[in-house]
Amino acid sequence: MKMILALLLAAALPALAENTNKVDEQLEDKFAQAVVLARAGLYDEADAICQQILVQKPDQPTIKQLQREIEEMRQRRQAQDPGYTLRHKLEQMLVPEIHFREAAPGDIIDYLTAQSKELSPDKTALNFVWMVPADVPVKPVTLNLKKVPLADVLDYVTQLAGLKYRVEAHAVVIYKPETEKPIPPATEPNAKSK
């Protein structure tokens, strides 16, 4: 009986070793992907791949070190660019469908606020601040989009309406850009009379 078990085990070991090598190669590929994503600034995606690796092989000090480095890079980026986190949220939220015909841009921004609350994992709305004076005329907007990042919708709305926006640490500020004043033509210096 022991002899049969030994023979079965001996026959199974090469197949087991081959499967282990395939798993290790797949994990190495995932690790390489995580490194590339982290260097590209896609920290959430890189961390998600690290989590996948740790599910299969929990005691991986290299992966845990990479996760620490990813968190340090994220914190450094946030310190340098206070709007980074909010901008990332705008890029990650996909609006399933949007249809507006000759709508006021303010109404579309109100809609985007409600959509951000539905799309956000923690169900909190993004903060949009409307800094366009009431007496300033704003062009109406027509949009028909499907499965578009919230950032792209915001780009379209502001461009079509002749507005601009900036992403700050805790809010997206929508404003009317100041019109550039024309530069007066160059004049010759006054000539002295004789």
N, C-alpha and C. Protein backbone atom coordinates (compact mmCIF):
# COMPACT_ATOMS: atom_id res chain seq x y z
N MET A 1 0.82 -1.19 0.00
CA MET A 1 0.00 0.00 0.00
C MET A 1 0.87 1.25 0.00
N LYS A 2 1.91 1.25 0.85
CA LYS A 2 2.82 2.39 0.91
C LYS A 2 3.53 2.55 -0.42
N MET A 3 3.84 1.42 -1.06
CA MET A 3 4.54 1.45 -2.34
C MET A 3 3.65 2.11 -3.41
N ILE A 4 2.37 1.79 -3.40
CA ILE A 4 1.44 2.36 -4.38
C ILE A 4 1.32 3.86 -4.16
N LEU A 5 1.21 4.29 -2.92
CA LEU A 5 1.13 5.71 -2.61
C LEU A 5 2.40 6.44 -3.04
N ALA A 6 3.53 5.82 -2.81
CA ALA A 6 4.80 6.43 -3.20
C ALA A 6 4.86 6.58 -4.72
N LEU A 7 4.40 5.56 -5.46
CA LEU A 7 4.40 5.63 -6.92
C LEU A 7 3.44 6.72 -7.42
N LEU A 8 2.26 6.78 -6.82
CA LEU A 8 1.29 7.82 -7.21
C LEU A 8 1.83 9.22 -6.93
N LEU A 9 2.46 9.37 -5.78
CA LEU A 9 3.03 10.66 -5.40
C LEU A 9 4.16 11.04 -6.35
N ALA A 10 5.00 10.06 -6.69
CA ALA A 10 6.11 10.30 -7.61
C ALA A 10 5.59 10.70 -8.98
N ALA A 11 4.49 10.11 -9.41
CA ALA A 11 3.91 10.45 -10.71
C ALA A 11 3.25 11.83 -10.69
N ALA A 12 2.70 12.22 -9.55
CA ALA A 12 1.99 13.49 -9.44
C ALA A 12 2.94 14.68 -9.24
N LEU A 13 4.12 14.46 -8.70
CA LEU A 13 5.04 15.56 -8.40
C LEU A 13 5.43 16.39 -9.62
N PRO A 14 5.77 15.79 -10.77
CA PRO A 14 6.12 16.64 -11.91
C PRO A 14 4.95 17.52 -12.35
N ALA A 15 3.74 16.98 -12.36
CA ALA A 15 2.56 17.78 -12.74
C ALA A 15 2.34 18.89 -11.72
N LEU A 16 2.49 18.59 -10.45
CA LEU A 16 2.32 19.58 -9.38
C LEU A 16 3.38 20.68 -9.51
N ALA A 17 4.61 20.29 -9.77
CA ALA A 17 5.69 21.27 -9.93
C ALA A 17 5.42 22.16 -11.14
N GLU A 18 4.92 21.56 -12.23
CA GLU A 18 4.61 22.34 -13.44
C GLU A 18 3.51 23.35 -13.15
N ASN A 19 2.45 22.92 -12.42
CA ASN A 19 1.36 23.83 -12.07
C ASN A 19 1.86 24.95 -11.16
N THR A 20 2.74 24.62 -10.22
CA THR A 20 3.30 25.61 -9.31
C THR A 20 4.11 26.63 -10.10
N ASN A 21 4.89 26.15 -11.07
CA ASN A 21 5.68 27.07 -11.90
C ASN A 21 4.77 28.01 -12.69
N LYS A 22 3.65 27.48 -13.22
CA LYS A 22 2.71 28.32 -13.97
C LYS A 22 2.11 29.39 -13.07
N VAL A 23 1.74 28.99 -11.85
CA VAL A 23 1.17 29.95 -10.89
C VAL A 23 2.21 31.02 -10.56
N ASP A 24 3.46 30.61 -10.32
CA ASP A 24 4.51 31.57 -10.01
C ASP A 24 4.74 32.53 -11.17
N GLU A 25 4.72 32.03 -12.41
CA GLU A 25 4.88 32.89 -13.58
C GLU A 25 3.73 33.89 -13.68
N GLN A 26 2.52 33.42 -13.41
CA GLN A 26 1.36 34.32 -13.45
C GLN A 26 1.48 35.40 -12.39
N LEU A 27 1.94 35.02 -11.20
CA LEU A 27 2.11 35.99 -10.13
C LEU A 27 3.21 36.99 -10.47
N GLU A 28 4.28 36.52 -11.09
CA GLU A 28 5.35 37.42 -11.52
C GLU A 28 4.82 38.42 -12.55
N ASP A 29 3.98 37.95 -13.48
CA ASP A 29 3.38 38.83 -14.47
C ASP A 29 2.50 39.88 -13.80
N LYS A 30 1.72 39.44 -12.82
CA LYS A 30 0.85 40.38 -12.09
C LYS A 30 1.70 41.40 -11.34
N PHE A 31 2.79 40.93 -10.74
CA PHE A 31 3.69 41.84 -10.01
C PHE A 31 4.24 42.89 -10.97
N ALA A 32 4.67 42.47 -12.15
CA ALA A 32 5.19 43.41 -13.14
C ALA A 32 4.12 44.43 -13.55
N GLN A 33 2.87 43.96 -13.70
CA GLN A 33 1.77 44.87 -14.04
C GLN A 33 1.57 45.88 -12.92
N ALA A 34 1.62 45.42 -11.68
CA ALA A 34 1.42 46.32 -10.55
C ALA A 34 2.50 47.40 -10.51
N VAL A 35 3.73 47.02 -10.79
CA VAL A 35 4.83 47.99 -10.80
C VAL A 35 4.61 49.04 -11.89
N VAL A 36 4.24 48.59 -13.08
CA VAL A 36 4.01 49.51 -14.20
C VAL A 36 2.85 50.46 -13.87
N LEU A 37 1.77 49.93 -13.32
CA LEU A 37 0.62 50.77 -12.97
C LEU A 37 0.99 51.79 -11.90
N ALA A 38 1.77 51.37 -10.92
CA ALA A 38 2.18 52.30 -9.86
C ALA A 38 3.03 53.42 -10.43
N ARG A 39 3.95 53.08 -11.32
CA ARG A 39 4.80 54.11 -11.94
C ARG A 39 3.99 55.07 -12.80
N ALA A 40 2.89 54.58 -13.35
CA ALA A 40 2.02 55.42 -14.18
C ALA A 40 1.07 56.27 -13.33
N GLY A 41 1.11 56.10 -12.02
CA GLY A 41 0.24 56.88 -11.15
C GLY A 41 -1.13 56.27 -10.95
N LEU A 42 -1.34 55.03 -11.41
CA LEU A 42 -2.62 54.34 -11.22
C LEU A 42 -2.53 53.49 -9.95
N TYR A 43 -2.54 54.17 -8.83
CA TYR A 43 -2.26 53.53 -7.54
C TYR A 43 -3.35 52.55 -7.12
N ASP A 44 -4.60 52.89 -7.33
CA ASP A 44 -5.68 51.97 -6.95
C ASP A 44 -5.60 50.67 -7.73
N GLU A 45 -5.34 50.77 -9.02
CA GLU A 45 -5.25 49.59 -9.86
C GLU A 45 -4.05 48.73 -9.46
N ALA A 46 -2.92 49.37 -9.18
CA ALA A 46 -1.72 48.64 -8.77
C ALA A 46 -1.96 47.93 -7.44
N ASP A 47 -2.61 48.62 -6.50
CA ASP A 47 -2.89 48.02 -5.20
C ASP A 47 -3.86 46.85 -5.33
N ALA A 48 -4.83 46.96 -6.24
CA ALA A 48 -5.78 45.86 -6.44
C ALA A 48 -5.07 44.60 -6.94
N ILE A 49 -4.09 44.76 -7.82
CA ILE A 49 -3.32 43.61 -8.29
C ILE A 49 -2.50 43.02 -7.16
N CYS A 50 -1.92 43.86 -6.33
CA CYS A 50 -1.18 43.37 -5.16
C CYS A 50 -2.09 42.54 -4.25
N GLN A 51 -3.32 43.01 -4.06
CA GLN A 51 -4.27 42.27 -3.23
C GLN A 51 -4.57 40.90 -3.84
N GLN A 52 -4.70 40.84 -5.16
CA GLN A 52 -4.94 39.56 -5.83
C GLN A 52 -3.78 38.59 -5.59
N ILE A 53 -2.57 39.09 -5.66
CA ILE A 53 -1.39 38.24 -5.43
C ILE A 53 -1.39 37.74 -3.99
N LEU A 54 -1.68 38.63 -3.06
CA LEU A 54 -1.65 38.24 -1.64
C LEU A 54 -2.74 37.23 -1.29
N VAL A 55 -3.82 37.19 -2.05
CA VAL A 55 -4.86 36.19 -1.82
C VAL A 55 -4.29 34.80 -2.14
N GLN A 56 -3.51 34.73 -3.22
CA GLN A 56 -2.94 33.44 -3.62
C GLN A 56 -1.71 33.08 -2.80
N LYS A 57 -0.89 34.07 -2.48
CA LYS A 57 0.34 33.84 -1.70
C LYS A 57 0.45 34.93 -0.64
N PRO A 58 -0.13 34.69 0.54
CA PRO A 58 -0.22 35.73 1.57
C PRO A 58 1.12 36.22 2.12
N ASP A 59 2.12 35.39 2.15
CA ASP A 59 3.40 35.78 2.76
C ASP A 59 4.40 36.19 1.69
N GLN A 60 4.14 37.32 1.07
CA GLN A 60 5.03 37.84 0.02
C GLN A 60 5.57 39.20 0.46
N PRO A 61 6.76 39.23 1.04
CA PRO A 61 7.30 40.50 1.52
C PRO A 61 7.51 41.52 0.40
N THR A 62 7.82 41.06 -0.80
CA THR A 62 8.03 41.98 -1.91
C THR A 62 6.74 42.71 -2.25
N ILE A 63 5.63 41.99 -2.24
CA ILE A 63 4.33 42.59 -2.54
C ILE A 63 3.94 43.58 -1.44
N LYS A 64 4.18 43.20 -0.20
CA LYS A 64 3.85 44.10 0.91
C LYS A 64 4.71 45.37 0.85
N GLN A 65 5.96 45.23 0.44
CA GLN A 65 6.84 46.39 0.27
C GLN A 65 6.32 47.27 -0.87
N LEU A 66 5.88 46.65 -1.97
CA LEU A 66 5.33 47.42 -3.08
C LEU A 66 4.09 48.19 -2.64
N GLN A 67 3.24 47.57 -1.83
CA GLN A 67 2.05 48.26 -1.33
C GLN A 67 2.44 49.48 -0.48
N ARG A 68 3.47 49.35 0.34
CA ARG A 68 3.94 50.49 1.14
C ARG A 68 4.43 51.62 0.21
N GLU A 69 5.17 51.23 -0.82
CA GLU A 69 5.69 52.22 -1.76
C GLU A 69 4.56 52.90 -2.53
N ILE A 70 3.54 52.13 -2.90
CA ILE A 70 2.39 52.70 -3.59
C ILE A 70 1.71 53.73 -2.70
N GLU A 71 1.54 53.41 -1.44
CA GLU A 71 0.89 54.34 -0.51
C GLU A 71 1.74 55.61 -0.33
N GLU A 72 3.07 55.45 -0.27
CA GLU A 72 3.94 56.62 -0.17
C GLU A 72 3.84 57.50 -1.41
N MET A 73 3.81 56.87 -2.59
CA MET A 73 3.68 57.63 -3.84
C MET A 73 2.34 58.36 -3.89
N ARG A 74 1.28 57.69 -3.44
CA ARG A 74 -0.05 58.30 -3.41
C ARG A 74 -0.05 59.53 -2.50
N GLN A 75 0.53 59.40 -1.32
CA GLN A 75 0.57 60.51 -0.37
C GLN A 75 1.42 61.67 -0.90
N ARG A 76 2.53 61.33 -1.55
CA ARG A 76 3.38 62.37 -2.14
C ARG A 76 2.62 63.12 -3.23
N ARG A 77 1.90 62.38 -4.07
CA ARG A 77 1.13 62.99 -5.16
C ARG A 77 0.05 63.89 -4.59
N GLN A 78 -0.63 63.44 -3.53
CA GLN A 78 -1.69 64.24 -2.93
C GLN A 78 -1.13 65.52 -2.31
N ALA A 79 0.08 65.43 -1.75
CA ALA A 79 0.69 66.63 -1.15
C ALA A 79 1.07 67.63 -2.23
N GLN A 80 1.53 67.14 -3.38
CA GLN A 80 1.93 68.02 -4.47
C GLN A 80 0.72 68.58 -5.22
N ASP A 81 -0.34 67.78 -5.33
CA ASP A 81 -1.52 68.16 -6.11
C ASP A 81 -2.76 67.90 -5.26
N PRO A 82 -3.24 68.91 -4.54
CA PRO A 82 -4.39 68.70 -3.65
C PRO A 82 -5.65 68.19 -4.35
N GLY A 83 -5.81 68.46 -5.64
CA GLY A 83 -6.98 68.02 -6.37
C GLY A 83 -6.85 66.62 -6.96
N TYR A 84 -5.73 65.95 -6.70
CA TYR A 84 -5.47 64.64 -7.31
C TYR A 84 -6.58 63.63 -6.98
N THR A 85 -6.94 63.51 -5.72
CA THR A 85 -7.93 62.50 -5.31
C THR A 85 -9.28 62.76 -5.97
N LEU A 86 -9.71 63.99 -5.97
CA LEU A 86 -10.99 64.33 -6.58
C LEU A 86 -10.95 64.13 -8.10
N ARG A 87 -9.85 64.51 -8.73
CA ARG A 87 -9.70 64.31 -10.17
C ARG A 87 -9.75 62.82 -10.51
N HIS A 88 -9.13 62.01 -9.67
CA HIS A 88 -9.15 60.56 -9.88
C HIS A 88 -10.57 60.02 -9.77
N LYS A 89 -11.34 60.53 -8.81
CA LYS A 89 -12.74 60.10 -8.68
C LYS A 89 -13.53 60.47 -9.93
N LEU A 90 -13.31 61.67 -10.45
CA LEU A 90 -14.01 62.10 -11.66
C LEU A 90 -13.70 61.19 -12.85
N GLU A 91 -12.47 60.74 -12.93
CA GLU A 91 -12.07 59.87 -14.03
C GLU A 91 -12.60 58.44 -13.87
N GLN A 92 -12.80 58.00 -12.63
CA GLN A 92 -13.21 56.62 -12.37
C GLN A 92 -14.72 56.43 -12.44
N MET A 93 -15.49 57.46 -12.14
CA MET A 93 -16.96 57.32 -12.14
C MET A 93 -17.48 57.33 -13.58
N LEU A 94 -18.16 56.27 -13.98
CA LEU A 94 -18.73 56.18 -15.33
C LEU A 94 -20.22 56.51 -15.27
N VAL A 95 -20.60 57.55 -15.98
CA VAL A 95 -22.01 57.91 -16.07
C VAL A 95 -22.64 56.99 -17.11
N PRO A 96 -23.65 56.19 -16.71
CA PRO A 96 -24.21 55.20 -17.64
C PRO A 96 -24.83 55.83 -18.89
N GLU A 97 -25.55 56.93 -18.70
CA GLU A 97 -26.23 57.55 -19.84
C GLU A 97 -26.58 58.98 -19.48
N ILE A 98 -26.47 59.87 -20.46
CA ILE A 98 -26.82 61.26 -20.21
C ILE A 98 -27.45 61.83 -21.48
N HIS A 99 -28.62 62.44 -21.33
CA HIS A 99 -29.35 63.02 -22.47
C HIS A 99 -29.89 64.39 -22.05
N PHE A 100 -29.38 65.44 -22.69
CA PHE A 100 -29.87 66.80 -22.45
C PHE A 100 -29.99 67.49 -23.79
N ARG A 101 -31.06 68.25 -23.93
CA ARG A 101 -31.27 69.02 -25.16
C ARG A 101 -31.50 70.47 -24.77
N GLU A 102 -30.60 71.34 -25.21
CA GLU A 102 -30.69 72.77 -24.94
C GLU A 102 -30.90 73.04 -23.45
N ALA A 103 -30.15 72.34 -22.62
CA ALA A 103 -30.30 72.46 -21.16
C ALA A 103 -29.35 73.52 -20.61
N ALA A 104 -29.77 74.11 -19.53
CA ALA A 104 -28.91 75.07 -18.82
C ALA A 104 -27.76 74.30 -18.18
N PRO A 105 -26.53 74.78 -18.34
CA PRO A 105 -25.39 74.07 -17.76
C PRO A 105 -25.51 73.87 -16.25
N GLY A 106 -26.13 74.81 -15.55
CA GLY A 106 -26.33 74.66 -14.11
C GLY A 106 -27.19 73.45 -13.78
N ASP A 107 -28.20 73.20 -14.61
CA ASP A 107 -29.06 72.02 -14.41
C ASP A 107 -28.28 70.73 -14.64
N ILE A 108 -27.39 70.75 -15.62
CA ILE A 108 -26.58 69.55 -15.89
C ILE A 108 -25.62 69.31 -14.72
N ILE A 109 -25.07 70.37 -14.16
CA ILE A 109 -24.17 70.22 -13.01
C ILE A 109 -24.94 69.66 -11.82
N ASP A 110 -26.18 70.11 -11.62
CA ASP A 110 -27.01 69.54 -10.55
C ASP A 110 -27.23 68.05 -10.78
N TYR A 111 -27.46 67.67 -12.03
CA TYR A 111 -27.64 66.26 -12.38
C TYR A 111 -26.35 65.47 -12.09
N LEU A 112 -25.20 66.05 -12.44
CA LEU A 112 -23.92 65.37 -12.19
C LEU A 112 -23.66 65.20 -10.70
N THR A 113 -24.11 66.16 -9.91
CA THR A 113 -23.98 66.04 -8.45
C THR A 113 -24.76 64.83 -7.97
N ALA A 114 -26.01 64.68 -8.44
CA ALA A 114 -26.85 63.54 -8.05
C ALA A 114 -26.24 62.23 -8.56
N GLN A 115 -25.73 62.24 -9.79
CA GLN A 115 -25.12 61.03 -10.35
C GLN A 115 -23.88 60.63 -9.55
N SER A 116 -23.09 61.60 -9.13
CA SER A 116 -21.88 61.28 -8.37
C SER A 116 -22.22 60.60 -7.06
N LYS A 117 -23.36 60.99 -6.47
CA LYS A 117 -23.79 60.35 -5.22
C LYS A 117 -24.16 58.90 -5.47
N GLU A 118 -24.84 58.62 -6.58
CA GLU A 118 -25.23 57.25 -6.91
C GLU A 118 -24.03 56.40 -7.29
N LEU A 119 -23.07 56.99 -7.99
CA LEU A 119 -21.93 56.24 -8.51
C LEU A 119 -20.81 56.05 -7.49
N SER A 120 -20.78 56.89 -6.49
CA SER A 120 -19.71 56.82 -5.49
C SER A 120 -19.87 55.59 -4.60
N PRO A 121 -18.78 54.87 -4.35
CA PRO A 121 -18.88 53.70 -3.47
C PRO A 121 -19.39 54.02 -2.07
N ASP A 122 -19.03 55.21 -1.55
CA ASP A 122 -19.50 55.58 -0.20
C ASP A 122 -20.79 56.41 -0.24
N LYS A 123 -21.39 56.56 -1.43
CA LYS A 123 -22.67 57.24 -1.62
C LYS A 123 -22.66 58.70 -1.17
N THR A 124 -21.50 59.36 -1.32
CA THR A 124 -21.43 60.79 -1.04
C THR A 124 -21.26 61.53 -2.36
N ALA A 125 -21.96 62.61 -2.50
CA ALA A 125 -21.91 63.40 -3.73
C ALA A 125 -20.62 64.20 -3.80
N LEU A 126 -20.14 64.39 -5.02
CA LEU A 126 -19.00 65.28 -5.22
C LEU A 126 -19.49 66.71 -5.06
N ASN A 127 -18.61 67.57 -4.66
CA ASN A 127 -18.95 68.96 -4.41
C ASN A 127 -18.64 69.80 -5.65
N PHE A 128 -19.68 70.25 -6.34
CA PHE A 128 -19.53 71.15 -7.48
C PHE A 128 -19.90 72.55 -7.02
N VAL A 129 -19.04 73.52 -7.27
CA VAL A 129 -19.30 74.90 -6.87
C VAL A 129 -19.49 75.74 -8.12
N TRP A 130 -20.68 76.34 -8.26
CA TRP A 130 -21.04 77.14 -9.42
C TRP A 130 -20.64 78.58 -9.15
N MET A 131 -19.60 79.06 -9.81
CA MET A 131 -19.08 80.42 -9.58
C MET A 131 -19.37 81.33 -10.78
N VAL A 132 -20.42 81.02 -11.52
CA VAL A 132 -20.79 81.84 -12.67
C VAL A 132 -21.83 82.84 -12.19
N PRO A 133 -21.56 84.13 -12.33
CA PRO A 133 -22.53 85.13 -11.89
C PRO A 133 -23.86 84.96 -12.64
N ALA A 134 -24.95 85.24 -11.97
CA ALA A 134 -26.29 85.05 -12.53
C ALA A 134 -26.53 85.92 -13.76
N ASP A 135 -25.88 87.07 -13.82
CA ASP A 135 -26.13 87.98 -14.95
C ASP A 135 -25.27 87.66 -16.18
N VAL A 136 -24.42 86.66 -16.09
CA VAL A 136 -23.56 86.29 -17.22
C VAL A 136 -24.31 85.30 -18.10
N PRO A 137 -24.44 85.60 -19.39
CA PRO A 137 -25.14 84.66 -20.28
C PRO A 137 -24.29 83.39 -20.49
N VAL A 138 -24.97 82.25 -20.44
CA VAL A 138 -24.29 80.96 -20.62
C VAL A 138 -25.03 80.20 -21.71
N LYS A 139 -24.26 79.63 -22.62
CA LYS A 139 -24.86 78.90 -23.75
C LYS A 139 -25.54 77.62 -23.26
N PRO A 140 -26.71 77.28 -23.81
CA PRO A 140 -27.35 76.01 -23.47
C PRO A 140 -26.54 74.85 -24.08
N VAL A 141 -26.72 73.67 -23.51
CA VAL A 141 -25.91 72.51 -23.90
C VAL A 141 -26.81 71.35 -24.31
N THR A 142 -26.41 70.68 -25.39
CA THR A 142 -27.07 69.46 -25.83
C THR A 142 -26.05 68.34 -25.76
N LEU A 143 -26.39 67.27 -25.04
CA LEU A 143 -25.48 66.13 -24.87
C LEU A 143 -26.24 64.83 -24.95
N ASN A 144 -25.67 63.85 -25.63
CA ASN A 144 -26.18 62.48 -25.65
C ASN A 144 -24.97 61.57 -25.54
N LEU A 145 -24.76 61.02 -24.36
CA LEU A 145 -23.57 60.20 -24.10
C LEU A 145 -23.94 58.92 -23.37
N LYS A 146 -23.13 57.88 -23.57
CA LYS A 146 -23.30 56.62 -22.84
C LYS A 146 -21.96 56.16 -22.32
N LYS A 147 -21.98 55.67 -21.08
CA LYS A 147 -20.80 55.10 -20.43
C LYS A 147 -19.56 55.98 -20.59
N VAL A 148 -19.66 57.17 -20.05
CA VAL A 148 -18.60 58.16 -20.17
C VAL A 148 -18.12 58.54 -18.77
N PRO A 149 -16.81 58.68 -18.57
CA PRO A 149 -16.32 59.14 -17.27
C PRO A 149 -16.89 60.51 -16.94
N LEU A 150 -17.14 60.74 -15.69
CA LEU A 150 -17.70 62.00 -15.22
C LEU A 150 -16.80 63.17 -15.61
N ALA A 151 -15.50 62.96 -15.62
CA ALA A 151 -14.56 64.01 -16.02
C ALA A 151 -14.81 64.44 -17.47
N ASP A 152 -15.09 63.48 -18.35
CA ASP A 152 -15.35 63.80 -19.75
C ASP A 152 -16.66 64.57 -19.90
N VAL A 153 -17.68 64.17 -19.16
CA VAL A 153 -18.96 64.89 -19.21
C VAL A 153 -18.74 66.34 -18.78
N LEU A 154 -17.98 66.53 -17.73
CA LEU A 154 -17.69 67.87 -17.23
C LEU A 154 -16.92 68.68 -18.28
N ASP A 155 -15.98 68.04 -18.96
CA ASP A 155 -15.25 68.71 -20.05
C ASP A 155 -16.21 69.18 -21.14
N TYR A 156 -17.09 68.28 -21.59
CA TYR A 156 -18.03 68.61 -22.65
C TYR A 156 -18.96 69.76 -22.25
N VAL A 157 -19.52 69.66 -21.06
CA VAL A 157 -20.48 70.67 -20.60
C VAL A 157 -19.81 72.05 -20.54
N THR A 158 -18.65 72.11 -19.91
CA THR A 158 -18.00 73.41 -19.76
C THR A 158 -17.54 73.98 -21.10
N GLN A 159 -17.02 73.14 -21.98
CA GLN A 159 -16.57 73.63 -23.29
C GLN A 159 -17.74 74.14 -24.11
N LEU A 160 -18.83 73.37 -24.16
CA LEU A 160 -19.99 73.76 -24.96
C LEU A 160 -20.65 75.03 -24.42
N ALA A 161 -20.58 75.23 -23.11
CA ALA A 161 -21.22 76.40 -22.49
C ALA A 161 -20.30 77.61 -22.44
N GLY A 162 -19.04 77.45 -22.85
CA GLY A 162 -18.10 78.56 -22.79
C GLY A 162 -17.61 78.82 -21.38
N LEU A 163 -17.55 77.77 -20.58
CA LEU A 163 -17.11 77.88 -19.20
C LEU A 163 -15.79 77.13 -19.01
N LYS A 164 -15.24 77.21 -17.82
CA LYS A 164 -14.03 76.47 -17.43
C LYS A 164 -14.30 75.86 -16.06
N TYR A 165 -13.43 74.92 -15.69
CA TYR A 165 -13.50 74.38 -14.32
C TYR A 165 -12.10 74.06 -13.84
N ARG A 166 -11.97 74.02 -12.53
CA ARG A 166 -10.70 73.61 -11.92
C ARG A 166 -11.04 72.66 -10.77
N VAL A 167 -10.18 71.70 -10.56
CA VAL A 167 -10.39 70.72 -9.49
C VAL A 167 -9.50 71.11 -8.33
N GLU A 168 -10.14 71.38 -7.22
CA GLU A 168 -9.42 71.72 -6.00
C GLU A 168 -9.46 70.53 -5.06
N ALA A 169 -8.96 70.69 -3.86
CA ALA A 169 -8.87 69.57 -2.93
C ALA A 169 -10.24 68.96 -2.60
N HIS A 170 -11.26 69.79 -2.42
CA HIS A 170 -12.56 69.28 -1.98
C HIS A 170 -13.73 69.68 -2.88
N ALA A 171 -13.45 70.31 -4.01
CA ALA A 171 -14.55 70.76 -4.86
C ALA A 171 -14.09 70.94 -6.30
N VAL A 172 -15.07 70.84 -7.18
CA VAL A 172 -14.88 71.18 -8.59
C VAL A 172 -15.53 72.55 -8.76
N VAL A 173 -14.74 73.54 -9.12
CA VAL A 173 -15.22 74.91 -9.24
C VAL A 173 -15.45 75.22 -10.72
N ILE A 174 -16.68 75.62 -11.04
CA ILE A 174 -17.05 75.96 -12.41
C ILE A 174 -17.19 77.48 -12.49
N TYR A 175 -16.53 78.07 -13.49
CA TYR A 175 -16.50 79.53 -13.57
C TYR A 175 -16.48 79.98 -15.02
N LYS A 176 -16.79 81.25 -15.22
CA LYS A 176 -16.73 81.88 -16.54
C LYS A 176 -15.36 82.53 -16.65
N PRO A 177 -14.57 82.15 -17.64
CA PRO A 177 -13.24 82.77 -17.76
C PRO A 177 -13.37 84.23 -18.15
N GLU A 178 -12.47 85.02 -17.68
CA GLU A 178 -12.49 86.44 -18.03
C GLU A 178 -12.08 86.57 -19.48
N THR A 179 -12.75 87.48 -20.16
CA THR A 179 -12.38 87.71 -21.56
C THR A 179 -11.08 88.50 -21.57
N GLU A 180 -10.24 88.12 -22.48
CA GLU A 180 -8.95 88.81 -22.57
C GLU A 180 -9.16 90.20 -23.16
N LYS A 181 -8.54 91.16 -22.55
CA LYS A 181 -8.64 92.53 -23.05
C LYS A 181 -7.69 92.67 -24.24
N PRO A 182 -8.17 93.32 -25.29
CA PRO A 182 -7.28 93.47 -26.44
C PRO A 182 -6.09 94.35 -26.10
N ILE A 183 -4.98 94.04 -26.69
CA ILE A 183 -3.77 94.82 -26.47
C ILE A 183 -3.84 96.02 -27.41
N PRO A 184 -3.68 97.23 -26.86
CA PRO A 184 -3.75 98.41 -27.74
C PRO A 184 -2.59 98.39 -28.73
N PRO A 185 -2.82 98.96 -29.89
CA PRO A 185 -1.74 98.97 -30.88
C PRO A 185 -0.56 99.78 -30.37
N ALA A 186 0.59 99.38 -30.83
CA ALA A 186 1.81 100.07 -30.41
C ALA A 186 1.81 101.48 -30.98
N THR A 187 2.23 102.42 -30.17
CA THR A 187 2.31 103.80 -30.63
C THR A 187 3.75 104.26 -30.56
N GLU A 188 4.06 105.20 -31.40
CA GLU A 188 5.41 105.74 -31.39
C GLU A 188 5.53 106.75 -30.27
N PRO A 189 6.68 106.81 -29.66
CA PRO A 189 6.84 107.80 -28.60
C PRO A 189 6.66 109.21 -29.18
N ASN A 190 6.19 110.07 -28.32
CA ASN A 190 5.98 111.46 -28.76
C ASN A 190 7.29 112.06 -29.20
N ALA A 191 7.24 112.65 -30.36
CA ALA A 191 8.43 113.34 -30.86
C ALA A 191 8.46 114.74 -30.26
N LYS A 192 9.63 115.17 -29.89
CA LYS A 192 9.75 116.51 -29.32
C LYS A 192 9.68 117.54 -30.45
N SER A 193 8.96 118.57 -30.17
CA SER A 193 8.86 119.62 -31.18
C SER A 193 10.09 120.52 -31.09
N LYS A 194 10.48 121.03 -32.25
CA LYS A 194 11.69 121.85 -32.29
C LYS A 194 11.37 123.27 -32.08
